């Protein structure tokens, strides 16, 4: 499975709570995305949809999740480097 890693900046809703996101780049994109999302849930515990989370919480709220997802863009956001490194070691 191929994926792209992107550093999160102020253009994204997840900023500043999450530092990176990954997105599958090969097809079928939705199938790979769902597989990655299931793996994150099993590995890091519950996450949530970033759009729902950002809609109901002000920016100063501290996120306790290690990861969140964004279904429309097939993105999975990671809180910081250790989560991303673990993902890369497992999926690369």
PDB file of N, CA and C in Angstrom:
ATOM      1  N   UNK A   1       0.856  -1.185   0.000  1.00  0.00           N
ATOM      2  CA  UNK A   1       0.000   0.000   0.000  1.00  0.00           C
ATOM      3  C   UNK A   1       0.891   1.234   0.000  1.00  0.00           C
ATOM      4  N   UNK A   2       0.574   2.172  -0.859  1.00  0.00           N
ATOM      5  CA  UNK A   2       1.310   3.433  -0.918  1.00  0.00           C
ATOM      6  C   UNK A   2       0.496   4.520  -0.219  1.00  0.00           C
ATOM      7  N   UNK A   3       1.204   5.424   0.426  1.00  0.00           N
ATOM      8  CA  UNK A   3       0.542   6.537   1.097  1.00  0.00           C
ATOM      9  C   UNK A   3       1.456   7.751   1.086  1.00  0.00           C
ATOM     10  N   UNK A   4       0.858   8.895   1.280  1.00  0.00           N
ATOM     11  CA  UNK A   4       1.584  10.162   1.326  1.00  0.00           C
ATOM     12  C   UNK A   4       1.499  10.691   2.753  1.00  0.00           C
ATOM     13  N   UNK A   5       2.612  11.223   3.254  1.00  0.00           N
ATOM     14  CA  UNK A   5       2.660  11.845   4.576  1.00  0.00           C
ATOM     15  C   UNK A   5       2.757  13.348   4.381  1.00  0.00           C
ATOM     16  N   UNK A   6       1.905  14.091   5.093  1.00  0.00           N
ATOM     17  CA  UNK A   6       1.887  15.549   4.965  1.00  0.00           C
ATOM     18  C   UNK A   6       1.998  16.169   6.359  1.00  0.00           C
ATOM     19  N   UNK A   7       2.851  17.175   6.491  1.00  0.00           N
ATOM     20  CA  UNK A   7       2.963  17.944   7.739  1.00  0.00           C
ATOM     21  C   UNK A   7       1.779  18.895   7.813  1.00  0.00           C
ATOM     22  N   UNK A   8       1.089  18.888   8.941  1.00  0.00           N
ATOM     23  CA  UNK A   8      -0.095  19.724   9.126  1.00  0.00           C
ATOM     24  C   UNK A   8       0.332  21.153   9.469  1.00  0.00           C
ATOM     25  N   UNK A   9      -0.304  22.112   8.824  1.00  0.00           N
ATOM     26  CA  UNK A   9      -0.075  23.518   9.151  1.00  0.00           C
ATOM     27  C   UNK A   9      -1.431  24.192   9.361  1.00  0.00           C
ATOM     28  N   UNK A  10      -1.442  25.506   9.453  1.00  0.00           N
ATOM     29  CA  UNK A  10      -2.649  26.253   9.803  1.00  0.00           C
ATOM     30  C   UNK A  10      -3.782  26.139   8.783  1.00  0.00           C
ATOM     31  N   UNK A  11      -3.523  25.566   7.627  1.00  0.00           N
ATOM     32  CA  UNK A  11      -4.587  25.392   6.628  1.00  0.00           C
ATOM     33  C   UNK A  11      -5.568  24.284   7.007  1.00  0.00           C
ATOM     34  N   UNK A  12      -5.209  23.437   7.948  1.00  0.00           N
ATOM     35  CA  UNK A  12      -6.019  22.266   8.289  1.00  0.00           C
ATOM     36  C   UNK A  12      -6.745  22.442   9.611  1.00  0.00           C
ATOM     37  N   UNK A  13      -7.948  21.882   9.698  1.00  0.00           N
ATOM     38  CA  UNK A  13      -8.728  21.935  10.943  1.00  0.00           C
ATOM     39  C   UNK A  13      -7.993  21.281  12.108  1.00  0.00           C
ATOM     40  N   UNK A  14      -7.186  20.302  11.821  1.00  0.00           N
ATOM     41  CA  UNK A  14      -6.497  19.550  12.868  1.00  0.00           C
ATOM     42  C   UNK A  14      -5.378  20.348  13.543  1.00  0.00           C
ATOM     43  N   UNK A  15      -4.959  21.426  12.922  1.00  0.00           N
ATOM     44  CA  UNK A  15      -3.876  22.249  13.459  1.00  0.00           C
ATOM     45  C   UNK A  15      -4.380  23.031  14.672  1.00  0.00           C
ATOM     46  N   UNK A  16      -3.663  23.141  15.754  1.00  0.00           N
ATOM     47  CA  UNK A  16      -2.317  22.673  16.078  1.00  0.00           C
ATOM     48  C   UNK A  16      -2.304  21.350  16.853  1.00  0.00           C
ATOM     49  N   UNK A  17      -3.444  20.679  16.941  1.00  0.00           N
ATOM     50  CA  UNK A  17      -3.562  19.501  17.787  1.00  0.00           C
ATOM     51  C   UNK A  17      -2.913  18.249  17.194  1.00  0.00           C
ATOM     52  N   UNK A  18      -2.800  18.203  15.876  1.00  0.00           N
ATOM     53  CA  UNK A  18      -2.220  17.049  15.205  1.00  0.00           C
ATOM     54  C   UNK A  18      -1.139  17.532  14.254  1.00  0.00           C
ATOM     55  N   UNK A  19      -0.028  16.794  14.193  1.00  0.00           N
ATOM     56  CA  UNK A  19       1.136  17.271  13.438  1.00  0.00           C
ATOM     57  C   UNK A  19       1.263  16.718  12.028  1.00  0.00           C
ATOM     58  N   UNK A  20       0.698  15.528  11.774  1.00  0.00           N
ATOM     59  CA  UNK A  20       0.862  14.892  10.465  1.00  0.00           C
ATOM     60  C   UNK A  20      -0.437  14.240  10.039  1.00  0.00           C
ATOM     61  N   UNK A  21      -0.594  14.069   8.724  1.00  0.00           N
ATOM     62  CA  UNK A  21      -1.647  13.186   8.249  1.00  0.00           C
ATOM     63  C   UNK A  21      -1.107  12.312   7.140  1.00  0.00           C
ATOM     64  N   UNK A  22      -1.766  11.177   6.970  1.00  0.00           N
ATOM     65  CA  UNK A  22      -1.437  10.273   5.877  1.00  0.00           C
ATOM     66  C   UNK A  22      -2.688  10.097   5.034  1.00  0.00           C
ATOM     67  N   UNK A  23      -2.453   9.820   3.762  1.00  0.00           N
ATOM     68  CA  UNK A  23      -3.555   9.543   2.838  1.00  0.00           C
ATOM     69  C   UNK A  23      -3.083   8.475   1.863  1.00  0.00           C
ATOM     70  N   UNK A  24      -3.883   7.425   1.654  1.00  0.00           N
ATOM     71  CA  UNK A  24      -3.495   6.412   0.666  1.00  0.00           C
ATOM     72  C   UNK A  24      -3.429   7.035  -0.725  1.00  0.00           C
ATOM     73  N   UNK A  25      -2.483   6.573  -1.535  1.00  0.00           N
ATOM     74  CA  UNK A  25      -2.345   7.130  -2.882  1.00  0.00           C
ATOM     75  C   UNK A  25      -2.642   6.116  -3.975  1.00  0.00           C
ATOM     76  N   UNK A  26      -2.867   4.872  -3.585  1.00  0.00           N
ATOM     77  CA  UNK A  26      -3.173   3.869  -4.598  1.00  0.00           C
ATOM     78  C   UNK A  26      -4.648   3.457  -4.507  1.00  0.00           C
ATOM     79  N   UNK A  27      -5.115   2.798  -5.534  1.00  0.00           N
ATOM     80  CA  UNK A  27      -6.523   2.418  -5.614  1.00  0.00           C
ATOM     81  C   UNK A  27      -6.698   0.954  -5.250  1.00  0.00           C
ATOM     82  N   UNK A  28      -7.801   0.555  -4.678  1.00  0.00           N
ATOM     83  CA  UNK A  28      -8.969   1.368  -4.337  1.00  0.00           C
ATOM     84  C   UNK A  28      -8.717   2.152  -3.051  1.00  0.00           C
ATOM     85  N   UNK A  29      -8.708   3.445  -3.173  1.00  0.00           N
ATOM     86  CA  UNK A  29      -8.351   4.343  -2.081  1.00  0.00           C
ATOM     87  C   UNK A  29      -9.222   4.123  -0.843  1.00  0.00           C
ATOM     88  N   UNK A  30     -10.528   4.009  -1.023  1.00  0.00           N
ATOM     89  CA  UNK A  30     -11.447   3.854   0.112  1.00  0.00           C
ATOM     90  C   UNK A  30     -11.164   2.566   0.870  1.00  0.00           C
ATOM     91  N   UNK A  31     -10.888   1.500   0.166  1.00  0.00           N
ATOM     92  CA  UNK A  31     -10.597   0.229   0.841  1.00  0.00           C
ATOM     93  C   UNK A  31      -9.338   0.312   1.691  1.00  0.00           C
ATOM     94  N   UNK A  32      -8.295   0.918   1.146  1.00  0.00           N
ATOM     95  CA  UNK A  32      -7.046   1.067   1.903  1.00  0.00           C
ATOM     96  C   UNK A  32      -7.243   2.001   3.091  1.00  0.00           C
ATOM     97  N   UNK A  33      -7.978   3.062   2.884  1.00  0.00           N
ATOM     98  CA  UNK A  33      -8.260   4.009   3.955  1.00  0.00           C
ATOM     99  C   UNK A  33      -8.982   3.317   5.109  1.00  0.00           C
ATOM    100  N   UNK A  34      -9.992   2.524   4.811  1.00  0.00           N
ATOM    101  CA  UNK A  34     -10.744   1.829   5.859  1.00  0.00           C
ATOM    102  C   UNK A  34      -9.866   0.811   6.582  1.00  0.00           C
ATOM    103  N   UNK A  35      -8.990   0.157   5.854  1.00  0.00           N
ATOM    104  CA  UNK A  35      -8.056  -0.782   6.484  1.00  0.00           C
ATOM    105  C   UNK A  35      -7.123  -0.052   7.457  1.00  0.00           C
ATOM    106  N   UNK A  36      -6.600   1.098   7.033  1.00  0.00           N
ATOM    107  CA  UNK A  36      -5.727   1.893   7.904  1.00  0.00           C
ATOM    108  C   UNK A  36      -6.483   2.415   9.116  1.00  0.00           C
ATOM    109  N   UNK A  37      -7.713   2.850   8.906  1.00  0.00           N
ATOM    110  CA  UNK A  37      -8.511   3.366  10.017  1.00  0.00           C
ATOM    111  C   UNK A  37      -8.794   2.265  11.041  1.00  0.00           C
ATOM    112  N   UNK A  38      -9.101   1.065  10.590  1.00  0.00           N
ATOM    113  CA  UNK A  38      -9.310  -0.056  11.510  1.00  0.00           C
ATOM    114  C   UNK A  38      -8.036  -0.378  12.286  1.00  0.00           C
ATOM    115  N   UNK A  39      -6.889  -0.327  11.596  1.00  0.00           N
ATOM    116  CA  UNK A  39      -5.617  -0.584  12.264  1.00  0.00           C
ATOM    117  C   UNK A  39      -5.348   0.472  13.342  1.00  0.00           C
ATOM    118  N   UNK A  40      -5.589   1.729  13.028  1.00  0.00           N
ATOM    119  CA  UNK A  40      -5.380   2.800  14.014  1.00  0.00           C
ATOM    120  C   UNK A  40      -6.268   2.597  15.233  1.00  0.00           C
ATOM    121  N   UNK A  41      -7.519   2.220  15.009  1.00  0.00           N
ATOM    122  CA  UNK A  41      -8.454   2.003  16.119  1.00  0.00           C
ATOM    123  C   UNK A  41      -7.934   0.872  17.012  1.00  0.00           C
ATOM    124  N   UNK A  42      -7.486  -0.216  16.394  1.00  0.00           N
ATOM    125  CA  UNK A  42      -6.982  -1.363  17.158  1.00  0.00           C
ATOM    126  C   UNK A  42      -5.661  -1.039  17.864  1.00  0.00           C
ATOM    127  N   UNK A  43      -4.831  -0.198  17.246  1.00  0.00           N
ATOM    128  CA  UNK A  43      -3.500   0.096  17.770  1.00  0.00           C
ATOM    129  C   UNK A  43      -3.503   1.220  18.797  1.00  0.00           C
ATOM    130  N   UNK A  44      -4.195   2.313  18.513  1.00  0.00           N
ATOM    131  CA  UNK A  44      -4.145   3.507  19.365  1.00  0.00           C
ATOM    132  C   UNK A  44      -5.396   3.710  20.203  1.00  0.00           C
ATOM    133  N   UNK A  45      -6.404   2.915  19.982  1.00  0.00           N
ATOM    134  CA  UNK A  45      -7.661   3.097  20.689  1.00  0.00           C
ATOM    135  C   UNK A  45      -8.589   4.008  19.903  1.00  0.00           C
ATOM    136  N   UNK A  46      -9.716   4.376  20.509  1.00  0.00           N
ATOM    137  CA  UNK A  46     -10.718   5.165  19.790  1.00  0.00           C
ATOM    138  C   UNK A  46     -10.177   6.486  19.251  1.00  0.00           C
ATOM    139  N   UNK A  47     -10.675   6.855  18.094  1.00  0.00           N
ATOM    140  CA  UNK A  47     -10.427   8.158  17.496  1.00  0.00           C
ATOM    141  C   UNK A  47     -11.781   8.774  17.196  1.00  0.00           C
ATOM    142  N   UNK A  48     -11.803   9.842  16.430  1.00  0.00           N
ATOM    143  CA  UNK A  48     -13.079  10.437  16.045  1.00  0.00           C
ATOM    144  C   UNK A  48     -12.923  11.157  14.713  1.00  0.00           C
ATOM    145  N   UNK A  49     -14.036  11.534  14.145  1.00  0.00           N
ATOM    146  CA  UNK A  49     -14.035  12.299  12.907  1.00  0.00           C
ATOM    147  C   UNK A  49     -13.620  13.732  13.228  1.00  0.00           C
ATOM    148  N   UNK A  50     -12.605  14.222  12.562  1.00  0.00           N
ATOM    149  CA  UNK A  50     -12.072  15.560  12.857  1.00  0.00           C
ATOM    150  C   UNK A  50     -13.111  16.649  12.606  1.00  0.00           C
ATOM    151  N   UNK A  51     -13.968  16.484  11.622  1.00  0.00           N
ATOM    152  CA  UNK A  51     -14.975  17.499  11.335  1.00  0.00           C
ATOM    153  C   UNK A  51     -15.985  17.610  12.467  1.00  0.00           C
ATOM    154  N   UNK A  52     -16.402  16.486  13.012  1.00  0.00           N
ATOM    155  CA  UNK A  52     -17.324  16.509  14.137  1.00  0.00           C
ATOM    156  C   UNK A  52     -16.648  17.099  15.367  1.00  0.00           C
ATOM    157  N   UNK A  53     -15.421  16.687  15.625  1.00  0.00           N
ATOM    158  CA  UNK A  53     -14.692  17.139  16.804  1.00  0.00           C
ATOM    159  C   UNK A  53     -14.439  18.646  16.752  1.00  0.00           C
ATOM    160  N   UNK A  54     -14.039  19.159  15.618  1.00  0.00           N
ATOM    161  CA  UNK A  54     -13.736  20.583  15.496  1.00  0.00           C
ATOM    162  C   UNK A  54     -15.001  21.432  15.511  1.00  0.00           C
ATOM    163  N   UNK A  55     -16.116  20.877  15.099  1.00  0.00           N
ATOM    164  CA  UNK A  55     -17.360  21.636  15.077  1.00  0.00           C
ATOM    165  C   UNK A  55     -17.899  21.919  16.469  1.00  0.00           C
ATOM    166  N   UNK A  56     -17.626  21.012  17.407  1.00  0.00           N
ATOM    167  CA  UNK A  56     -18.218  21.135  18.738  1.00  0.00           C
ATOM    168  C   UNK A  56     -17.268  21.604  19.810  1.00  0.00           C
ATOM    169  N   UNK A  57     -16.011  21.756  19.504  1.00  0.00           N
ATOM    170  CA  UNK A  57     -15.035  22.170  20.503  1.00  0.00           C
ATOM    171  C   UNK A  57     -14.268  23.397  20.040  1.00  0.00           C
ATOM    172  N   UNK A  58     -14.090  24.352  20.937  1.00  0.00           N
ATOM    173  CA  UNK A  58     -13.285  25.520  20.586  1.00  0.00           C
ATOM    174  C   UNK A  58     -11.816  25.133  20.435  1.00  0.00           C
ATOM    175  N   UNK A  59     -11.029  25.947  19.751  1.00  0.00           N
ATOM    176  CA  UNK A  59      -9.625  25.622  19.470  1.00  0.00           C
ATOM    177  C   UNK A  59      -8.783  25.377  20.718  1.00  0.00           C
ATOM    178  N   UNK A  60      -9.160  25.972  21.849  1.00  0.00           N
ATOM    179  CA  UNK A  60      -8.339  25.816  23.047  1.00  0.00           C
ATOM    180  C   UNK A  60      -8.547  24.474  23.756  1.00  0.00           C
ATOM    181  N   UNK A  61      -9.474  23.662  23.285  1.00  0.00           N
ATOM    182  CA  UNK A  61      -9.703  22.353  23.886  1.00  0.00           C
ATOM    183  C   UNK A  61      -8.500  21.453  23.609  1.00  0.00           C
ATOM    184  N   UNK A  62      -8.071  20.725  24.620  1.00  0.00           N
ATOM    185  CA  UNK A  62      -6.968  19.786  24.455  1.00  0.00           C
ATOM    186  C   UNK A  62      -7.509  18.460  23.954  1.00  0.00           C
ATOM    187  N   UNK A  63      -6.969  17.975  22.868  1.00  0.00           N
ATOM    188  CA  UNK A  63      -7.386  16.700  22.308  1.00  0.00           C
ATOM    189  C   UNK A  63      -6.666  15.572  23.045  1.00  0.00           C
ATOM    190  N   UNK A  64      -7.405  14.555  23.433  1.00  0.00           N
ATOM    191  CA  UNK A  64      -6.801  13.408  24.095  1.00  0.00           C
ATOM    192  C   UNK A  64      -6.581  12.258  23.117  1.00  0.00           C
ATOM    193  N   UNK A  65      -7.081  12.378  21.903  1.00  0.00           N
ATOM    194  CA  UNK A  65      -6.919  11.331  20.905  1.00  0.00           C
ATOM    195  C   UNK A  65      -5.512  11.345  20.328  1.00  0.00           C
ATOM    196  N   UNK A  66      -4.985  10.159  20.013  1.00  0.00           N
ATOM    197  CA  UNK A  66      -3.690  10.068  19.338  1.00  0.00           C
ATOM    198  C   UNK A  66      -3.855  10.159  17.835  1.00  0.00           C
ATOM    199  N   UNK A  67      -5.081   9.983  17.358  1.00  0.00           N
ATOM    200  CA  UNK A  67      -5.354  10.014  15.928  1.00  0.00           C
ATOM    201  C   UNK A  67      -6.818  10.388  15.709  1.00  0.00           C
ATOM    202  N   UNK A  68      -7.096  10.947  14.564  1.00  0.00           N
ATOM    203  CA  UNK A  68      -8.461  11.248  14.131  1.00  0.00           C
ATOM    204  C   UNK A  68      -8.520  11.012  12.624  1.00  0.00           C
ATOM    205  N   UNK A  69      -9.713  10.982  12.078  1.00  0.00           N
ATOM    206  CA  UNK A  69      -9.840  10.750  10.644  1.00  0.00           C
ATOM    207  C   UNK A  69     -10.697  11.814   9.986  1.00  0.00           C
ATOM    208  N   UNK A  70     -10.621  11.874   8.665  1.00  0.00           N
ATOM    209  CA  UNK A  70     -11.433  12.775   7.852  1.00  0.00           C
ATOM    210  C   UNK A  70     -11.883  11.981   6.627  1.00  0.00           C
ATOM    211  N   UNK A  71     -13.116  11.488   6.675  1.00  0.00           N
ATOM    212  CA  UNK A  71     -13.620  10.585   5.639  1.00  0.00           C
ATOM    213  C   UNK A  71     -13.631  11.196   4.242  1.00  0.00           C
ATOM    214  N   UNK A  72     -14.020  12.451   4.111  1.00  0.00           N
ATOM    215  CA  UNK A  72     -14.179  13.050   2.784  1.00  0.00           C
ATOM    216  C   UNK A  72     -12.884  13.049   1.980  1.00  0.00           C
ATOM    217  N   UNK A  73     -11.765  13.196   2.656  1.00  0.00           N
ATOM    218  CA  UNK A  73     -10.468  13.289   1.979  1.00  0.00           C
ATOM    219  C   UNK A  73      -9.616  12.038   2.177  1.00  0.00           C
ATOM    220  N   UNK A  74     -10.162  11.015   2.846  1.00  0.00           N
ATOM    221  CA  UNK A  74      -9.436   9.775   3.142  1.00  0.00           C
ATOM    222  C   UNK A  74      -8.160  10.048   3.941  1.00  0.00           C
ATOM    223  N   UNK A  75      -8.217  10.975   4.885  1.00  0.00           N
ATOM    224  CA  UNK A  75      -7.044  11.348   5.681  1.00  0.00           C
ATOM    225  C   UNK A  75      -7.121  10.754   7.080  1.00  0.00           C
ATOM    226  N   UNK A  76      -5.959  10.380   7.601  1.00  0.00           N
ATOM    227  CA  UNK A  76      -5.818   9.984   8.994  1.00  0.00           C
ATOM    228  C   UNK A  76      -4.750  10.878   9.593  1.00  0.00           C
ATOM    229  N   UNK A  77      -5.115  11.609  10.639  1.00  0.00           N
ATOM    230  CA  UNK A  77      -4.212  12.548  11.305  1.00  0.00           C
ATOM    231  C   UNK A  77      -3.590  11.882  12.524  1.00  0.00           C
ATOM    232  N   UNK A  78      -2.294  12.130  12.735  1.00  0.00           N
ATOM    233  CA  UNK A  78      -1.589  11.622  13.910  1.00  0.00           C
ATOM    234  C   UNK A  78      -1.182  12.787  14.793  1.00  0.00           C
ATOM    235  N   UNK A  79      -1.299  12.569  16.107  1.00  0.00           N
ATOM    236  CA  UNK A  79      -1.013  13.626  17.071  1.00  0.00           C
ATOM    237  C   UNK A  79       0.432  14.112  16.974  1.00  0.00           C
ATOM    238  N   UNK A  80       1.390  13.189  16.910  1.00  0.00           N
ATOM    239  CA  UNK A  80       2.789  13.628  16.835  1.00  0.00           C
ATOM    240  C   UNK A  80       3.676  12.544  16.223  1.00  0.00           C
ATOM    241  N   UNK A  81       4.966  12.753  16.319  1.00  0.00           N
ATOM    242  CA  UNK A  81       5.941  11.898  15.666  1.00  0.00           C
ATOM    243  C   UNK A  81       5.952  10.430  16.068  1.00  0.00           C
ATOM    244  N   UNK A  82       5.842  10.090  17.364  1.00  0.00           N
ATOM    245  CA  UNK A  82       5.878   8.672  17.730  1.00  0.00           C
ATOM    246  C   UNK A  82       4.769   7.840  17.076  1.00  0.00           C
ATOM    247  N   UNK A  83       3.571   8.371  16.995  1.00  0.00           N
ATOM    248  CA  UNK A  83       2.478   7.650  16.336  1.00  0.00           C
ATOM    249  C   UNK A  83       2.776   7.475  14.848  1.00  0.00           C
ATOM    250  N   UNK A  84       3.277   8.537  14.220  1.00  0.00           N
ATOM    251  CA  UNK A  84       3.626   8.456  12.801  1.00  0.00           C
ATOM    252  C   UNK A  84       4.749   7.442  12.570  1.00  0.00           C
ATOM    253  N   UNK A  85       5.772   7.457  13.422  1.00  0.00           N
ATOM    254  CA  UNK A  85       6.890   6.527  13.278  1.00  0.00           C
ATOM    255  C   UNK A  85       6.421   5.081  13.424  1.00  0.00           C
ATOM    256  N   UNK A  86       5.544   4.835  14.380  1.00  0.00           N
ATOM    257  CA  UNK A  86       5.003   3.481  14.559  1.00  0.00           C
ATOM    258  C   UNK A  86       4.225   3.066  13.329  1.00  0.00           C
ATOM    259  N   UNK A  87       3.426   3.968  12.784  1.00  0.00           N
ATOM    260  CA  UNK A  87       2.683   3.676  11.550  1.00  0.00           C
ATOM    261  C   UNK A  87       3.635   3.331  10.410  1.00  0.00           C
ATOM    262  N   UNK A  88       4.672   4.132  10.239  1.00  0.00           N
ATOM    263  CA  UNK A  88       5.620   3.902   9.142  1.00  0.00           C
ATOM    264  C   UNK A  88       6.342   2.563   9.291  1.00  0.00           C
ATOM    265  N   UNK A  89       6.731   2.208  10.504  1.00  0.00           N
ATOM    266  CA  UNK A  89       7.423   0.930  10.724  1.00  0.00           C
ATOM    267  C   UNK A  89       6.499  -0.251  10.396  1.00  0.00           C
ATOM    268  N   UNK A  90       5.226  -0.096  10.670  1.00  0.00           N
ATOM    269  CA  UNK A  90       4.287  -1.174  10.441  1.00  0.00           C
ATOM    270  C   UNK A  90       3.893  -1.282   8.978  1.00  0.00           C
ATOM    271  N   UNK A  91       3.692  -0.164   8.293  1.00  0.00           N
ATOM    272  CA  UNK A  91       3.104  -0.167   6.951  1.00  0.00           C
ATOM    273  C   UNK A  91       4.097   0.057   5.820  1.00  0.00           C
ATOM    274  N   UNK A  92       5.336   0.357   6.125  1.00  0.00           N
ATOM    275  CA  UNK A  92       6.302   0.585   5.039  1.00  0.00           C
ATOM    276  C   UNK A  92       6.955  -0.705   4.588  1.00  0.00           C
TER     277      UNK A  92
END
